[in-house]
């Protein structure tokens, strides 16, 4: 996945901008690298809920949650949020694809 090539930089950004909470590192790994859709969604949700601010990193979490969710309405909402926050062209492109498929 395209997101993985940005993972080292995003890890530093997310660590600085996310609220430190027990399980942060495990949630970040599960959200960005997980293969179990339910675990990815849960981890991304916790990261979103614990973020200090909505920014490009939070936008990535919204996009990853949308990509792993089976609910078109939630996917639409998450992908739109991801698109509005994303700085990265790859994340914007994936978010737009999710919007086209679900909205």
PDB file of N, CA and C in Angstrom:
ATOM      1  N   UNK A   1       0.840  -1.178   0.000  1.00  0.00           N
ATOM      2  CA  UNK A   1       0.000   0.000   0.000  1.00  0.00           C
ATOM      3  C   UNK A   1       0.885   1.241   0.000  1.00  0.00           C
ATOM      4  N   UNK A   2       0.447   2.270  -0.673  1.00  0.00           N
ATOM      5  CA  UNK A   2       1.202   3.503  -0.827  1.00  0.00           C
ATOM      6  C   UNK A   2       1.531   4.130   0.522  1.00  0.00           C
ATOM      7  N   UNK A   3       0.623   4.034   1.473  1.00  0.00           N
ATOM      8  CA  UNK A   3       0.822   4.647   2.782  1.00  0.00           C
ATOM      9  C   UNK A   3       2.081   4.118   3.449  1.00  0.00           C
ATOM     10  N   UNK A   4       2.416   2.859   3.207  1.00  0.00           N
ATOM     11  CA  UNK A   4       3.541   2.244   3.897  1.00  0.00           C
ATOM     12  C   UNK A   4       4.874   2.899   3.568  1.00  0.00           C
ATOM     13  N   UNK A   5       5.033   3.473   2.377  1.00  0.00           N
ATOM     14  CA  UNK A   5       6.315   4.099   2.071  1.00  0.00           C
ATOM     15  C   UNK A   5       6.498   5.405   2.850  1.00  0.00           C
ATOM     16  N   UNK A   6       5.419   5.973   3.352  1.00  0.00           N
ATOM     17  CA  UNK A   6       5.485   7.190   4.155  1.00  0.00           C
ATOM     18  C   UNK A   6       5.474   6.902   5.653  1.00  0.00           C
ATOM     19  N   UNK A   7       5.412   5.634   6.012  1.00  0.00           N
ATOM     20  CA  UNK A   7       5.239   5.233   7.403  1.00  0.00           C
ATOM     21  C   UNK A   7       6.298   5.783   8.344  1.00  0.00           C
ATOM     22  N   UNK A   8       7.591   5.750   8.037  1.00  0.00           N
ATOM     23  CA  UNK A   8       8.565   6.290   8.991  1.00  0.00           C
ATOM     24  C   UNK A   8       8.319   7.757   9.327  1.00  0.00           C
ATOM     25  N   UNK A   9       8.067   8.582   8.328  1.00  0.00           N
ATOM     26  CA  UNK A   9       7.811  10.000   8.578  1.00  0.00           C
ATOM     27  C   UNK A   9       6.495  10.191   9.316  1.00  0.00           C
ATOM     28  N   UNK A  10       5.481   9.445   8.920  1.00  0.00           N
ATOM     29  CA  UNK A  10       4.181   9.567   9.580  1.00  0.00           C
ATOM     30  C   UNK A  10       4.238   9.122  11.031  1.00  0.00           C
ATOM     31  N   UNK A  11       5.075   8.135  11.317  1.00  0.00           N
ATOM     32  CA  UNK A  11       5.222   7.676  12.697  1.00  0.00           C
ATOM     33  C   UNK A  11       5.705   8.812  13.579  1.00  0.00           C
ATOM     34  N   UNK A  12       6.694   9.541  13.124  1.00  0.00           N
ATOM     35  CA  UNK A  12       7.214  10.667  13.903  1.00  0.00           C
ATOM     36  C   UNK A  12       6.183  11.772  14.047  1.00  0.00           C
ATOM     37  N   UNK A  13       5.496  12.075  12.965  1.00  0.00           N
ATOM     38  CA  UNK A  13       4.468  13.117  13.011  1.00  0.00           C
ATOM     39  C   UNK A  13       3.338  12.713  13.940  1.00  0.00           C
ATOM     40  N   UNK A  14       2.864  11.504  13.791  1.00  0.00           N
ATOM     41  CA  UNK A  14       1.743  11.036  14.608  1.00  0.00           C
ATOM     42  C   UNK A  14       2.126  10.982  16.073  1.00  0.00           C
ATOM     43  N   UNK A  15       3.332  10.534  16.362  1.00  0.00           N
ATOM     44  CA  UNK A  15       3.772  10.441  17.753  1.00  0.00           C
ATOM     45  C   UNK A  15       3.799  11.825  18.398  1.00  0.00           C
ATOM     46  N   UNK A  16       4.163  12.832  17.634  1.00  0.00           N
ATOM     47  CA  UNK A  16       4.227  14.179  18.174  1.00  0.00           C
ATOM     48  C   UNK A  16       2.851  14.819  18.295  1.00  0.00           C
ATOM     49  N   UNK A  17       1.909  14.416  17.428  1.00  0.00           N
ATOM     50  CA  UNK A  17       0.627  15.100  17.382  1.00  0.00           C
ATOM     51  C   UNK A  17      -0.510  14.337  18.040  1.00  0.00           C
ATOM     52  N   UNK A  18      -0.327  13.081  18.310  1.00  0.00           N
ATOM     53  CA  UNK A  18      -1.401  12.300  18.923  1.00  0.00           C
ATOM     54  C   UNK A  18      -1.278  12.337  20.435  1.00  0.00           C
ATOM     55  N   UNK A  19      -2.389  12.197  21.077  1.00  0.00           N
ATOM     56  CA  UNK A  19      -2.388  12.116  22.528  1.00  0.00           C
ATOM     57  C   UNK A  19      -1.766  10.788  22.909  1.00  0.00           C
ATOM     58  N   UNK A  20      -0.798  10.847  23.792  1.00  0.00           N
ATOM     59  CA  UNK A  20      -0.191   9.603  24.263  1.00  0.00           C
ATOM     60  C   UNK A  20      -1.221   8.871  25.119  1.00  0.00           C
ATOM     61  N   UNK A  21      -1.442   7.631  24.793  1.00  0.00           N
ATOM     62  CA  UNK A  21      -2.347   6.804  25.581  1.00  0.00           C
ATOM     63  C   UNK A  21      -1.823   5.387  25.538  1.00  0.00           C
ATOM     64  N   UNK A  22      -2.212   4.604  26.529  1.00  0.00           N
ATOM     65  CA  UNK A  22      -1.791   3.210  26.539  1.00  0.00           C
ATOM     66  C   UNK A  22      -2.301   2.544  25.274  1.00  0.00           C
ATOM     67  N   UNK A  23      -1.413   1.893  24.568  1.00  0.00           N
ATOM     68  CA  UNK A  23      -1.804   1.203  23.356  1.00  0.00           C
ATOM     69  C   UNK A  23      -1.621   2.003  22.086  1.00  0.00           C
ATOM     70  N   UNK A  24      -1.101   3.233  22.184  1.00  0.00           N
ATOM     71  CA  UNK A  24      -0.940   4.070  20.993  1.00  0.00           C
ATOM     72  C   UNK A  24      -0.106   3.370  19.926  1.00  0.00           C
ATOM     73  N   UNK A  25       1.051   2.844  20.300  1.00  0.00           N
ATOM     74  CA  UNK A  25       1.938   2.218  19.317  1.00  0.00           C
ATOM     75  C   UNK A  25       1.275   1.012  18.658  1.00  0.00           C
ATOM     76  N   UNK A  26       0.581   0.214  19.439  1.00  0.00           N
ATOM     77  CA  UNK A  26      -0.110  -0.955  18.883  1.00  0.00           C
ATOM     78  C   UNK A  26      -1.238  -0.517  17.954  1.00  0.00           C
ATOM     79  N   UNK A  27      -1.973   0.518  18.338  1.00  0.00           N
ATOM     80  CA  UNK A  27      -3.050   1.026  17.482  1.00  0.00           C
ATOM     81  C   UNK A  27      -2.494   1.593  16.182  1.00  0.00           C
ATOM     82  N   UNK A  28      -1.395   2.327  16.258  1.00  0.00           N
ATOM     83  CA  UNK A  28      -0.800   2.890  15.050  1.00  0.00           C
ATOM     84  C   UNK A  28      -0.380   1.774  14.102  1.00  0.00           C
ATOM     85  N   UNK A  29       0.263   0.748  14.647  1.00  0.00           N
ATOM     86  CA  UNK A  29       0.696  -0.381  13.819  1.00  0.00           C
ATOM     87  C   UNK A  29      -0.503  -1.103  13.216  1.00  0.00           C
ATOM     88  N   UNK A  30      -1.534  -1.339  14.014  1.00  0.00           N
ATOM     89  CA  UNK A  30      -2.717  -2.045  13.515  1.00  0.00           C
ATOM     90  C   UNK A  30      -3.455  -1.223  12.461  1.00  0.00           C
ATOM     91  N   UNK A  31      -3.593   0.073  12.686  1.00  0.00           N
ATOM     92  CA  UNK A  31      -4.309   0.937  11.742  1.00  0.00           C
ATOM     93  C   UNK A  31      -3.572   1.035  10.416  1.00  0.00           C
ATOM     94  N   UNK A  32      -2.264   1.155  10.445  1.00  0.00           N
ATOM     95  CA  UNK A  32      -1.501   1.404   9.225  1.00  0.00           C
ATOM     96  C   UNK A  32      -0.996   0.140   8.541  1.00  0.00           C
ATOM     97  N   UNK A  33      -0.913  -0.975   9.292  1.00  0.00           N
ATOM     98  CA  UNK A  33      -0.325  -2.179   8.714  1.00  0.00           C
ATOM     99  C   UNK A  33      -1.169  -3.431   8.915  1.00  0.00           C
ATOM    100  N   UNK A  34      -2.288  -3.307   9.611  1.00  0.00           N
ATOM    101  CA  UNK A  34      -3.097  -4.471   9.932  1.00  0.00           C
ATOM    102  C   UNK A  34      -3.753  -5.100   8.714  1.00  0.00           C
ATOM    103  N   UNK A  35      -4.088  -6.379   8.868  1.00  0.00           N
ATOM    104  CA  UNK A  35      -4.762  -7.094   7.785  1.00  0.00           C
ATOM    105  C   UNK A  35      -6.184  -7.512   8.170  1.00  0.00           C
ATOM    106  N   UNK A  36      -6.498  -7.486   9.459  1.00  0.00           N
ATOM    107  CA  UNK A  36      -7.833  -7.813   9.929  1.00  0.00           C
ATOM    108  C   UNK A  36      -8.668  -6.530   9.921  1.00  0.00           C
ATOM    109  N   UNK A  37      -9.684  -6.490   9.061  1.00  0.00           N
ATOM    110  CA  UNK A  37     -10.461  -5.263   8.866  1.00  0.00           C
ATOM    111  C   UNK A  37     -11.072  -4.728  10.164  1.00  0.00           C
ATOM    112  N   UNK A  38     -11.605  -5.607  10.987  1.00  0.00           N
ATOM    113  CA  UNK A  38     -12.219  -5.161  12.242  1.00  0.00           C
ATOM    114  C   UNK A  38     -11.179  -4.547  13.173  1.00  0.00           C
ATOM    115  N   UNK A  39     -10.002  -5.143  13.232  1.00  0.00           N
ATOM    116  CA  UNK A  39      -8.934  -4.601  14.083  1.00  0.00           C
ATOM    117  C   UNK A  39      -8.421  -3.270  13.539  1.00  0.00           C
ATOM    118  N   UNK A  40      -8.294  -3.161  12.220  1.00  0.00           N
ATOM    119  CA  UNK A  40      -7.858  -1.906  11.608  1.00  0.00           C
ATOM    120  C   UNK A  40      -8.857  -0.802  11.932  1.00  0.00           C
ATOM    121  N   UNK A  41     -10.139  -1.090  11.746  1.00  0.00           N
ATOM    122  CA  UNK A  41     -11.174  -0.094  12.029  1.00  0.00           C
ATOM    123  C   UNK A  41     -11.151   0.337  13.487  1.00  0.00           C
ATOM    124  N   UNK A  42     -11.037  -0.617  14.396  1.00  0.00           N
ATOM    125  CA  UNK A  42     -11.024  -0.289  15.827  1.00  0.00           C
ATOM    126  C   UNK A  42      -9.799   0.547  16.185  1.00  0.00           C
ATOM    127  N   UNK A  43      -8.637   0.162  15.662  1.00  0.00           N
ATOM    128  CA  UNK A  43      -7.406   0.889  15.969  1.00  0.00           C
ATOM    129  C   UNK A  43      -7.453   2.304  15.391  1.00  0.00           C
ATOM    130  N   UNK A  44      -7.902   2.430  14.153  1.00  0.00           N
ATOM    131  CA  UNK A  44      -7.999   3.753  13.532  1.00  0.00           C
ATOM    132  C   UNK A  44      -8.994   4.636  14.281  1.00  0.00           C
ATOM    133  N   UNK A  45     -10.085   4.053  14.733  1.00  0.00           N
ATOM    134  CA  UNK A  45     -11.077   4.810  15.498  1.00  0.00           C
ATOM    135  C   UNK A  45     -10.475   5.337  16.793  1.00  0.00           C
ATOM    136  N   UNK A  46      -9.728   4.509  17.499  1.00  0.00           N
ATOM    137  CA  UNK A  46      -9.087   4.970  18.742  1.00  0.00           C
ATOM    138  C   UNK A  46      -8.084   6.086  18.451  1.00  0.00           C
ATOM    139  N   UNK A  47      -7.334   5.969  17.371  1.00  0.00           N
ATOM    140  CA  UNK A  47      -6.378   7.020  17.012  1.00  0.00           C
ATOM    141  C   UNK A  47      -7.101   8.322  16.686  1.00  0.00           C
ATOM    142  N   UNK A  48      -8.199   8.242  15.953  1.00  0.00           N
ATOM    143  CA  UNK A  48      -8.990   9.433  15.627  1.00  0.00           C
ATOM    144  C   UNK A  48      -9.561  10.050  16.898  1.00  0.00           C
ATOM    145  N   UNK A  49     -10.133   9.215  17.749  1.00  0.00           N
ATOM    146  CA  UNK A  49     -10.764   9.705  18.981  1.00  0.00           C
ATOM    147  C   UNK A  49      -9.763  10.338  19.943  1.00  0.00           C
ATOM    148  N   UNK A  50      -8.507   9.914  19.896  1.00  0.00           N
ATOM    149  CA  UNK A  50      -7.491  10.416  20.820  1.00  0.00           C
ATOM    150  C   UNK A  50      -6.583  11.476  20.216  1.00  0.00           C
ATOM    151  N   UNK A  51      -6.813  11.871  18.986  1.00  0.00           N
ATOM    152  CA  UNK A  51      -5.977  12.879  18.341  1.00  0.00           C
ATOM    153  C   UNK A  51      -6.207  14.244  18.981  1.00  0.00           C
ATOM    154  N   UNK A  52      -5.125  14.989  19.151  1.00  0.00           N
ATOM    155  CA  UNK A  52      -5.226  16.338  19.704  1.00  0.00           C
ATOM    156  C   UNK A  52      -5.889  17.300  18.723  1.00  0.00           C
ATOM    157  N   UNK A  53      -5.621  17.071  17.436  1.00  0.00           N
ATOM    158  CA  UNK A  53      -6.155  17.957  16.399  1.00  0.00           C
ATOM    159  C   UNK A  53      -6.399  17.149  15.137  1.00  0.00           C
ATOM    160  N   UNK A  54      -7.278  17.652  14.314  1.00  0.00           N
ATOM    161  CA  UNK A  54      -7.481  17.018  13.022  1.00  0.00           C
ATOM    162  C   UNK A  54      -6.487  17.632  12.053  1.00  0.00           C
ATOM    163  N   UNK A  55      -5.679  16.757  11.452  1.00  0.00           N
ATOM    164  CA  UNK A  55      -4.630  17.192  10.539  1.00  0.00           C
ATOM    165  C   UNK A  55      -4.421  16.105   9.493  1.00  0.00           C
ATOM    166  N   UNK A  56      -3.359  16.208   8.718  1.00  0.00           N
ATOM    167  CA  UNK A  56      -3.112  15.252   7.636  1.00  0.00           C
ATOM    168  C   UNK A  56      -2.946  13.832   8.161  1.00  0.00           C
ATOM    169  N   UNK A  57      -2.332  13.663   9.318  1.00  0.00           N
ATOM    170  CA  UNK A  57      -2.152  12.320   9.882  1.00  0.00           C
ATOM    171  C   UNK A  57      -3.506  11.748  10.296  1.00  0.00           C
ATOM    172  N   UNK A  58      -4.316  12.562  10.932  1.00  0.00           N
ATOM    173  CA  UNK A  58      -5.661  12.115  11.292  1.00  0.00           C
ATOM    174  C   UNK A  58      -6.449  11.779  10.031  1.00  0.00           C
ATOM    175  N   UNK A  59      -6.240  12.551   8.971  1.00  0.00           N
ATOM    176  CA  UNK A  59      -6.883  12.268   7.698  1.00  0.00           C
ATOM    177  C   UNK A  59      -6.510  10.900   7.162  1.00  0.00           C
ATOM    178  N   UNK A  60      -5.251  10.509   7.345  1.00  0.00           N
ATOM    179  CA  UNK A  60      -4.814   9.178   6.927  1.00  0.00           C
ATOM    180  C   UNK A  60      -5.586   8.116   7.711  1.00  0.00           C
ATOM    181  N   UNK A  61      -5.773   8.336   9.017  1.00  0.00           N
ATOM    182  CA  UNK A  61      -6.514   7.376   9.839  1.00  0.00           C
ATOM    183  C   UNK A  61      -7.955   7.252   9.348  1.00  0.00           C
ATOM    184  N   UNK A  62      -8.581   8.379   9.006  1.00  0.00           N
ATOM    185  CA  UNK A  62      -9.945   8.340   8.457  1.00  0.00           C
ATOM    186  C   UNK A  62      -9.970   7.535   7.158  1.00  0.00           C
ATOM    187  N   UNK A  63      -8.993   7.760   6.302  1.00  0.00           N
ATOM    188  CA  UNK A  63      -8.940   7.044   5.033  1.00  0.00           C
ATOM    189  C   UNK A  63      -8.750   5.551   5.209  1.00  0.00           C
ATOM    190  N   UNK A  64      -7.876   5.177   6.123  1.00  0.00           N
ATOM    191  CA  UNK A  64      -7.645   3.754   6.376  1.00  0.00           C
ATOM    192  C   UNK A  64      -8.876   3.100   6.990  1.00  0.00           C
ATOM    193  N   UNK A  65      -9.562   3.836   7.856  1.00  0.00           N
ATOM    194  CA  UNK A  65     -10.793   3.286   8.432  1.00  0.00           C
ATOM    195  C   UNK A  65     -11.837   3.096   7.339  1.00  0.00           C
ATOM    196  N   UNK A  66     -11.956   4.060   6.444  1.00  0.00           N
ATOM    197  CA  UNK A  66     -12.927   3.954   5.340  1.00  0.00           C
ATOM    198  C   UNK A  66     -12.594   2.774   4.435  1.00  0.00           C
ATOM    199  N   UNK A  67     -11.321   2.568   4.173  1.00  0.00           N
ATOM    200  CA  UNK A  67     -10.905   1.495   3.264  1.00  0.00           C
ATOM    201  C   UNK A  67     -11.165   0.111   3.845  1.00  0.00           C
ATOM    202  N   UNK A  68     -11.369   0.030   5.155  1.00  0.00           N
ATOM    203  CA  UNK A  68     -11.545  -1.268   5.805  1.00  0.00           C
ATOM    204  C   UNK A  68     -12.942  -1.477   6.354  1.00  0.00           C
ATOM    205  N   UNK A  69     -13.855  -0.570   6.069  1.00  0.00           N
ATOM    206  CA  UNK A  69     -15.212  -0.630   6.604  1.00  0.00           C
ATOM    207  C   UNK A  69     -16.170  -1.100   5.511  1.00  0.00           C
ATOM    208  N   UNK A  70     -17.164  -1.861   5.886  1.00  0.00           N
ATOM    209  CA  UNK A  70     -18.145  -2.354   4.931  1.00  0.00           C
ATOM    210  C   UNK A  70     -19.405  -1.516   4.850  1.00  0.00           C
ATOM    211  N   UNK A  71     -19.488  -0.443   5.616  1.00  0.00           N
ATOM    212  CA  UNK A  71     -20.676   0.408   5.648  1.00  0.00           C
ATOM    213  C   UNK A  71     -20.482   1.589   4.684  1.00  0.00           C
ATOM    214  N   UNK A  72     -21.194   1.591   3.548  1.00  0.00           N
ATOM    215  CA  UNK A  72     -20.997   2.658   2.553  1.00  0.00           C
ATOM    216  C   UNK A  72     -21.206   4.070   3.117  1.00  0.00           C
ATOM    217  N   UNK A  73     -22.187   4.269   3.969  1.00  0.00           N
ATOM    218  CA  UNK A  73     -22.441   5.607   4.513  1.00  0.00           C
ATOM    219  C   UNK A  73     -21.269   6.072   5.376  1.00  0.00           C
ATOM    220  N   UNK A  74     -20.747   5.180   6.220  1.00  0.00           N
ATOM    221  CA  UNK A  74     -19.594   5.533   7.059  1.00  0.00           C
ATOM    222  C   UNK A  74     -18.356   5.729   6.188  1.00  0.00           C
ATOM    223  N   UNK A  75     -18.189   4.883   5.166  1.00  0.00           N
ATOM    224  CA  UNK A  75     -17.065   5.028   4.249  1.00  0.00           C
ATOM    225  C   UNK A  75     -17.097   6.391   3.567  1.00  0.00           C
ATOM    226  N   UNK A  76     -18.275   6.794   3.132  1.00  0.00           N
ATOM    227  CA  UNK A  76     -18.442   8.084   2.471  1.00  0.00           C
ATOM    228  C   UNK A  76     -18.008   9.213   3.405  1.00  0.00           C
ATOM    229  N   UNK A  77     -18.517   9.194   4.610  1.00  0.00           N
ATOM    230  CA  UNK A  77     -18.188  10.226   5.589  1.00  0.00           C
ATOM    231  C   UNK A  77     -16.691  10.247   5.903  1.00  0.00           C
ATOM    232  N   UNK A  78     -16.118   9.068   6.170  1.00  0.00           N
ATOM    233  CA  UNK A  78     -14.694   8.991   6.503  1.00  0.00           C
ATOM    234  C   UNK A  78     -13.819   9.409   5.326  1.00  0.00           C
ATOM    235  N   UNK A  79     -14.173   8.992   4.120  1.00  0.00           N
ATOM    236  CA  UNK A  79     -13.374   9.337   2.942  1.00  0.00           C
ATOM    237  C   UNK A  79     -13.429  10.845   2.669  1.00  0.00           C
ATOM    238  N   UNK A  80     -14.590  11.451   2.870  1.00  0.00           N
ATOM    239  CA  UNK A  80     -14.699  12.895   2.689  1.00  0.00           C
ATOM    240  C   UNK A  80     -13.839  13.634   3.716  1.00  0.00           C
ATOM    241  N   UNK A  81     -13.847  13.143   4.942  1.00  0.00           N
ATOM    242  CA  UNK A  81     -13.022  13.745   5.994  1.00  0.00           C
ATOM    243  C   UNK A  81     -11.547  13.573   5.653  1.00  0.00           C
ATOM    244  N   UNK A  82     -11.176  12.380   5.201  1.00  0.00           N
ATOM    245  CA  UNK A  82      -9.800  12.109   4.818  1.00  0.00           C
ATOM    246  C   UNK A  82      -9.358  13.046   3.692  1.00  0.00           C
ATOM    247  N   UNK A  83     -10.192  13.194   2.682  1.00  0.00           N
ATOM    248  CA  UNK A  83      -9.863  14.055   1.550  1.00  0.00           C
ATOM    249  C   UNK A  83      -9.670  15.503   1.998  1.00  0.00           C
ATOM    250  N   UNK A  84     -10.498  15.961   2.921  1.00  0.00           N
ATOM    251  CA  UNK A  84     -10.398  17.353   3.368  1.00  0.00           C
ATOM    252  C   UNK A  84      -9.138  17.605   4.208  1.00  0.00           C
ATOM    253  N   UNK A  85      -8.608  16.569   4.844  1.00  0.00           N
ATOM    254  CA  UNK A  85      -7.446  16.736   5.721  1.00  0.00           C
ATOM    255  C   UNK A  85      -6.122  16.342   5.072  1.00  0.00           C
ATOM    256  N   UNK A  86      -6.172  15.521   4.052  1.00  0.00           N
ATOM    257  CA  UNK A  86      -4.955  14.941   3.479  1.00  0.00           C
ATOM    258  C   UNK A  86      -4.082  15.984   2.789  1.00  0.00           C
ATOM    259  N   UNK A  87      -2.775  15.782   2.925  1.00  0.00           N
ATOM    260  CA  UNK A  87      -1.788  16.575   2.199  1.00  0.00           C
ATOM    261  C   UNK A  87      -1.170  15.758   1.070  1.00  0.00           C
ATOM    262  N   UNK A  88      -1.126  14.454   1.257  1.00  0.00           N
ATOM    263  CA  UNK A  88      -0.464  13.547   0.336  1.00  0.00           C
ATOM    264  C   UNK A  88      -1.364  13.219  -0.847  1.00  0.00           C
ATOM    265  N   UNK A  89      -0.820  13.315  -2.066  1.00  0.00           N
ATOM    266  CA  UNK A  89      -1.613  13.052  -3.273  1.00  0.00           C
ATOM    267  C   UNK A  89      -2.120  11.615  -3.331  1.00  0.00           C
ATOM    268  N   UNK A  90      -1.323  10.657  -2.849  1.00  0.00           N
ATOM    269  CA  UNK A  90      -1.749   9.250  -2.872  1.00  0.00           C
ATOM    270  C   UNK A  90      -2.958   9.046  -1.960  1.00  0.00           C
ATOM    271  N   UNK A  91      -2.925   9.633  -0.782  1.00  0.00           N
ATOM    272  CA  UNK A  91      -4.045   9.509   0.156  1.00  0.00           C
ATOM    273  C   UNK A  91      -5.270  10.228  -0.411  1.00  0.00           C
ATOM    274  N   UNK A  92      -5.065  11.380  -1.025  1.00  0.00           N
ATOM    275  CA  UNK A  92      -6.176  12.095  -1.652  1.00  0.00           C
ATOM    276  C   UNK A  92      -6.806  11.246  -2.756  1.00  0.00           C
ATOM    277  N   UNK A  93      -5.969  10.593  -3.557  1.00  0.00           N
ATOM    278  CA  UNK A  93      -6.481   9.751  -4.640  1.00  0.00           C
ATOM    279  C   UNK A  93      -7.280   8.572  -4.123  1.00  0.00           C
ATOM    280  N   UNK A  94      -6.765   7.922  -3.089  1.00  0.00           N
ATOM    281  CA  UNK A  94      -7.490   6.789  -2.499  1.00  0.00           C
ATOM    282  C   UNK A  94      -8.800   7.253  -1.867  1.00  0.00           C
ATOM    283  N   UNK A  95      -8.767   8.408  -1.217  1.00  0.00           N
ATOM    284  CA  UNK A  95      -9.986   8.946  -0.617  1.00  0.00           C
ATOM    285  C   UNK A  95     -11.027   9.252  -1.688  1.00  0.00           C
ATOM    286  N   UNK A  96     -10.579   9.825  -2.802  1.00  0.00           N
ATOM    287  CA  UNK A  96     -11.515  10.130  -3.881  1.00  0.00           C
ATOM    288  C   UNK A  96     -12.118   8.865  -4.464  1.00  0.00           C
ATOM    289  N   UNK A  97     -11.322   7.817  -4.589  1.00  0.00           N
ATOM    290  CA  UNK A  97     -11.845   6.528  -5.077  1.00  0.00           C
ATOM    291  C   UNK A  97     -12.919   5.990  -4.141  1.00  0.00           C
ATOM    292  N   UNK A  98     -12.698   6.110  -2.832  1.00  0.00           N
ATOM    293  CA  UNK A  98     -13.699   5.666  -1.852  1.00  0.00           C
ATOM    294  C   UNK A  98     -14.967   6.510  -1.937  1.00  0.00           C
ATOM    295  N   UNK A  99     -14.806   7.805  -2.160  1.00  0.00           N
ATOM    296  CA  UNK A  99     -15.959   8.693  -2.308  1.00  0.00           C
ATOM    297  C   UNK A  99     -16.750   8.302  -3.552  1.00  0.00           C
ATOM    298  N   UNK A 100     -16.048   8.090  -4.649  1.00  0.00           N
ATOM    299  CA  UNK A 100     -16.720   7.699  -5.900  1.00  0.00           C
ATOM    300  C   UNK A 100     -17.481   6.375  -5.744  1.00  0.00           C
ATOM    301  N   UNK A 101     -16.950   5.477  -4.949  1.00  0.00           N
ATOM    302  CA  UNK A 101     -17.577   4.164  -4.780  1.00  0.00           C
ATOM    303  C   UNK A 101     -18.698   4.154  -3.743  1.00  0.00           C
ATOM    304  N   UNK A 102     -18.685   5.089  -2.802  1.00  0.00           N
ATOM    305  CA  UNK A 102     -19.608   5.001  -1.664  1.00  0.00           C
ATOM    306  C   UNK A 102     -20.555   6.166  -1.490  1.00  0.00           C
ATOM    307  N   UNK A 103     -20.330   7.268  -2.151  1.00  0.00           N
ATOM    308  CA  UNK A 103     -21.172   8.460  -1.892  1.00  0.00           C
ATOM    309  C   UNK A 103     -22.192   8.680  -3.000  1.00  0.00           C
TER     310      UNK A 103
END
